[in-house]
Structure formats: C-alpha cells, structure tokens
Protein backbone atom coordinates (compact mmCIF):
# COMPACT_ATOMS: atom_id res chain seq x y z
CA MET A 1 122.33 105.15 138.46
CA GLY A 2 122.97 105.47 141.99
CA LEU A 3 126.19 104.22 144.01
CA ASN A 4 126.42 100.59 144.04
CA GLU A 5 126.50 98.69 147.41
CA GLY A 6 130.07 98.65 148.82
CA ASP A 7 131.13 101.56 146.28
CA VAL A 8 133.98 103.29 148.56
CA ARG A 9 134.27 106.45 146.55
CA VAL A 10 134.08 109.11 148.81
CA HIS A 11 133.22 112.70 147.25
CA LYS A 12 133.69 115.90 149.28
CA LEU A 13 131.26 118.67 149.04
CA VAL A 14 131.19 122.31 150.51
CA LEU A 15 128.10 123.79 152.27
CA ALA A 16 127.61 127.37 151.63
CA SER A 17 126.15 127.89 155.18
CA ASN A 18 127.67 128.26 158.73
CA ASN A 19 124.22 127.01 160.41
CA PRO A 20 125.22 123.92 162.74
CA GLY A 21 122.02 122.48 162.27
CA LYS A 22 121.81 122.60 158.68
CA LEU A 23 125.32 120.90 158.69
CA ARG A 24 124.36 118.14 160.88
CA GLU A 25 121.19 117.46 158.76
CA PHE A 26 122.80 117.38 155.46
CA ARG A 27 125.69 115.26 156.58
CA ARG A 28 123.17 112.87 157.95
CA LEU A 29 121.43 112.47 154.59
CA LEU A 30 124.32 113.06 152.23
CA GLU A 31 126.81 110.58 153.78
CA PRO A 32 125.03 107.47 152.92
CA LEU A 33 125.56 108.52 149.15
CA GLY A 34 129.20 108.50 149.78
CA ILE A 35 129.38 112.56 150.13
CA THR A 36 131.52 114.20 152.78
CA VAL A 37 129.91 117.52 153.75
CA ILE A 38 132.32 120.34 154.93
CA ALA A 39 131.23 123.65 156.29
CA GLN A 40 132.54 126.48 154.40
CA SER A 41 133.55 127.93 157.74
CA GLU A 42 136.00 125.13 158.07
CA LEU A 43 137.64 126.35 154.92
CA ASP A 44 137.52 130.10 156.02
CA ILE A 45 135.09 130.95 153.20
CA PRO A 46 133.04 134.03 153.96
CA GLU A 47 129.61 134.39 153.59
CA ALA A 48 128.55 135.40 149.93
CA GLU A 49 126.49 138.22 149.39
CA GLU A 50 122.84 137.72 148.71
CA PRO A 51 121.48 140.87 146.74
CA HIS A 52 118.93 139.05 144.42
CA LEU A 53 115.14 139.06 144.57
CA THR A 54 114.57 135.28 144.19
CA PHE A 55 115.49 132.37 146.12
CA ILE A 56 116.90 130.64 143.28
CA GLU A 57 119.42 133.46 142.45
CA ASN A 58 120.75 133.82 146.05
CA ALA A 59 121.08 130.16 146.49
CA LEU A 60 123.08 129.73 142.92
CA ALA A 61 125.20 132.76 143.84
CA LYS A 62 126.33 131.29 147.45
CA ALA A 63 126.89 127.92 145.95
CA ARG A 64 129.13 129.18 143.01
CA HIS A 65 130.71 131.46 145.55
CA ALA A 66 131.58 128.70 147.92
CA SER A 67 132.78 126.39 145.15
CA GLN A 68 135.01 128.72 143.64
CA LEU A 69 136.83 129.56 146.74
CA ALA A 70 136.94 125.63 148.00
CA GLY A 71 137.60 124.39 144.43
CA LEU A 72 135.05 121.56 145.33
CA PRO A 73 131.19 120.97 144.49
CA ALA A 74 129.15 123.32 146.72
CA LEU A 75 125.74 123.16 148.22
CA ALA A 76 123.58 126.02 149.19
CA ASP A 77 119.86 126.68 150.18
CA ASP A 78 117.89 129.70 150.58
CA SER A 79 114.73 129.76 152.08
CA GLY A 80 112.03 131.94 153.72
CA ILE A 81 108.61 132.62 154.56
CA CYS A 82 106.35 134.28 152.02
CA VAL A 83 102.86 135.75 153.18
CA ALA A 84 100.31 136.59 150.15
CA ALA A 85 98.83 139.45 152.02
CA LEU A 86 102.33 141.19 151.96
CA GLY A 87 102.96 140.50 148.30
CA GLY A 88 105.28 137.45 149.14
CA ALA A 89 107.10 139.35 151.82
CA PRO A 90 109.26 138.68 153.95
CA GLY A 91 110.50 136.44 151.33
CA VAL A 92 114.19 136.51 150.52
CA LEU A 93 114.69 139.00 153.29
CA SER A 94 113.06 136.69 155.92
CA ALA A 95 116.41 136.53 158.06
CA ARG A 96 116.81 140.16 158.11
CA TYR A 97 113.28 141.33 157.76
CA ALA A 98 113.53 143.69 160.99
CA GLY A 99 116.95 144.98 159.86
CA GLU A 100 120.50 144.27 161.46
CA PRO A 101 121.31 142.76 163.59
CA ARG A 102 119.31 139.81 162.76
CA SER A 103 116.79 138.72 165.35
CA ASP A 104 114.24 136.06 165.09
CA ALA A 105 112.07 137.94 167.85
CA ARG A 106 112.34 141.17 165.87
CA ASN A 107 111.48 139.59 162.70
CA ASN A 108 108.36 137.90 164.23
CA ALA A 109 107.13 141.26 165.87
CA LYS A 110 107.43 143.05 162.60
CA LEU A 111 105.58 140.16 160.63
CA ILE A 112 102.79 140.24 163.29
CA ALA A 113 102.46 144.06 163.22
CA ASP A 114 102.56 144.07 159.48
CA LEU A 115 99.56 141.63 159.49
CA ALA A 116 97.61 143.75 162.13
CA GLY A 117 94.10 143.85 160.93
CA VAL A 118 94.52 141.25 157.92
CA ALA A 119 92.02 138.57 157.96
CA ARG A 120 93.75 136.32 155.33
CA ARG A 121 96.96 134.91 156.53
CA ASP A 122 97.79 132.44 154.00
CA ALA A 123 101.74 131.87 153.65
CA HIS A 124 104.26 129.23 152.81
CA TYR A 125 107.79 128.63 153.68
CA THR A 126 109.94 128.16 150.48
CA CYS A 127 113.15 126.33 150.55
CA VAL A 128 115.43 126.32 147.16
CA LEU A 129 118.64 123.91 147.21
CA VAL A 130 121.41 124.35 144.55
CA LEU A 131 124.18 122.01 144.04
CA VAL A 132 127.22 122.95 141.52
CA ARG A 133 129.67 120.65 140.68
CA HIS A 134 132.25 123.22 139.86
CA ALA A 135 132.05 127.11 140.13
CA ASP A 136 131.08 127.53 136.24
CA ASP A 137 128.85 124.26 136.53
CA PRO A 138 126.22 125.18 133.29
CA GLU A 139 123.71 122.55 134.70
CA PRO A 140 123.30 123.34 138.51
CA MET A 141 121.21 120.58 140.42
CA ILE A 142 118.20 122.32 141.63
CA ALA A 143 115.32 121.17 144.10
CA GLU A 144 112.48 123.24 145.61
CA GLY A 145 110.23 122.55 148.28
CA ILE A 146 107.02 124.36 149.72
CA TRP A 147 105.34 124.00 153.07
CA ASP A 148 101.97 125.70 153.28
CA GLY A 149 100.33 127.14 156.36
CA VAL A 150 98.68 130.27 157.93
CA VAL A 151 100.47 133.14 160.29
CA VAL A 152 98.95 133.08 163.81
CA ASP A 153 99.51 136.27 166.05
CA ASP A 154 100.23 133.88 169.13
CA PRO A 155 103.60 132.09 169.35
CA ARG A 156 103.29 128.32 170.03
CA GLY A 157 105.87 125.72 170.84
CA SER A 158 109.50 125.87 171.86
CA GLY A 159 111.03 124.04 168.72
CA GLY A 160 112.22 125.16 165.54
CA PHE A 161 113.42 128.73 164.64
CA GLY A 162 112.80 131.74 162.51
CA TYR A 163 108.96 132.20 162.13
CA ASP A 164 108.22 128.66 163.12
CA PRO A 165 106.17 129.86 166.38
CA HIS A 166 103.83 131.83 164.41
CA PHE A 167 103.65 129.29 161.34
CA LEU A 168 100.69 126.96 161.73
CA ASP A 169 100.23 123.77 159.60
CA PRO A 170 96.13 123.65 159.60
CA ARG A 171 96.10 119.92 158.48
CA PHE A 172 97.86 119.05 161.94
CA GLY A 173 96.74 121.76 163.81
CA LEU A 174 100.61 122.51 165.10
CA THR A 175 103.02 125.40 164.48
CA GLY A 176 106.13 124.62 163.19
CA ALA A 177 107.54 125.04 166.62
CA GLU A 178 105.62 122.21 168.11
CA PHE A 179 106.23 119.57 165.58
CA PRO A 180 108.35 116.70 166.56
CA LEU A 181 111.77 117.24 164.66
CA GLU A 182 111.20 113.68 162.61
CA GLN A 183 107.73 114.57 161.64
CA LYS A 184 108.72 118.42 160.83
CA ASN A 185 111.40 116.90 158.46
CA GLU A 186 108.81 115.02 156.78
CA ILE A 187 106.68 117.71 155.92
CA SER A 188 108.78 120.85 155.87
CA HIS A 189 110.11 122.92 152.86
CA ARG A 190 113.71 122.01 153.39
CA GLY A 191 112.72 118.24 153.83
CA ILE A 192 110.84 117.85 150.72
CA ALA A 193 113.53 119.87 148.87
CA MET A 194 116.32 117.41 150.48
CA ARG A 195 114.53 114.51 149.35
CA ARG A 196 114.07 115.58 145.87
CA LEU A 197 117.90 116.65 145.60
CA ILE A 198 118.97 113.33 147.01
CA GLU A 199 116.59 111.58 144.32
CA ARG A 200 118.55 113.42 141.41
CA LEU A 201 122.27 112.60 143.13
CA ARG A 202 121.06 108.96 143.04
CA GLN A 203 120.32 109.30 139.41
CA ARG A 204 123.30 111.77 138.75
CA PRO A 205 126.21 111.02 141.28
CA LEU A 206 128.88 113.48 141.91
C-alpha cells in the first residue's frame, strides 16, 4: 500500500553514488514518495569496492556499504553496456573498460577497436538498482532495466554520456546521445529500472 495523500512522513535515504546527474534524477522521482535522497559524498562516505562479476552483486555491495556507514536505508545502481560479440563485455567494467583514469572517450575508442571487422553489433544497456533498508537487510529491493540496441562506429549526438554516442536504438534510428532527455528517461535501462523500483516502494514504503 502506498503513502496516503497528505502523509507527512519523510524518510531519508543515502544514494551510493557521487554522480550529480543521478542524484538529481533520483531526488525528482523519490521525493513524491516522501523520501529525501542524500548523496554519500555529503556524509563523507567513500566509494565502495566493485570487485564482483555481476551488476547485482556490485550494486548490493555498494548499497550495504553506504547503509552501514550512514545508518540509513541506501540505494545503489550498477549499470553498463553488454555486447554480444564480446561475450557480454564491457559489462561491469563499462566505466573503466580502457583502464584508469576513467575516460568515456578512451572507453568508446577501445569498444570500437574491439569490434573492428565484426558484423553483428547487438548490444544492450543493463541497470540494476538495489535498495536496502539497513546494512544487513535480508530482503533487498531489486529492480532491473534493459535497453536493447546496436553499436555503431561513428558517434552521433551531443547528449548523454558513456557509450551513448555509439549506442543506436533501431526502433527510433537515434543514438543514446541524440534522444531528448525526457524520451530517453522513458525508454532507457535506468528509467525502466526506476519505474519498477518506485512501484515496489509504493507497495512496500520505507
């Protein structure tokens, strides 16, 4: 059962991310549910290690880490692009595919180089969101979103980030960097995952 209209309860939740764009988006979506989102950097919480091989394990590790240090419920996401011809790579290594320091430009260059001569470019973005009510929560709330597309050699568009200029959605003929933000939020992996998480929060409020 969701919050009743006029319910004034406000719950705090720490976001296990230092990305300002994610912070703005999660605040916009969660505030109507009576949830105040605080970035982990505001609480001097360092980033968690992400040693795992799956998105869900990394997201869960980040959420538990932030929750333990903040003493609050925590939300984390792990996301990336998975290319079929590369066995699912870059996958969980999407943000650091070309190594450190992290660079979208170098990551994209490596991806295109790795696909040289490959005809099938099927790919998808995956986003896994994990919300824990406390660090030892035995029932984390999990939501997943997938956005299907193909990788193109030539970058297009000036919006988005990461691999968006090379990620084409054939349904619309646009790359992730060409979509208007509102439309992208409707169809993207993160947008799908967020809507699923919000539905579960309405059923099981904090």
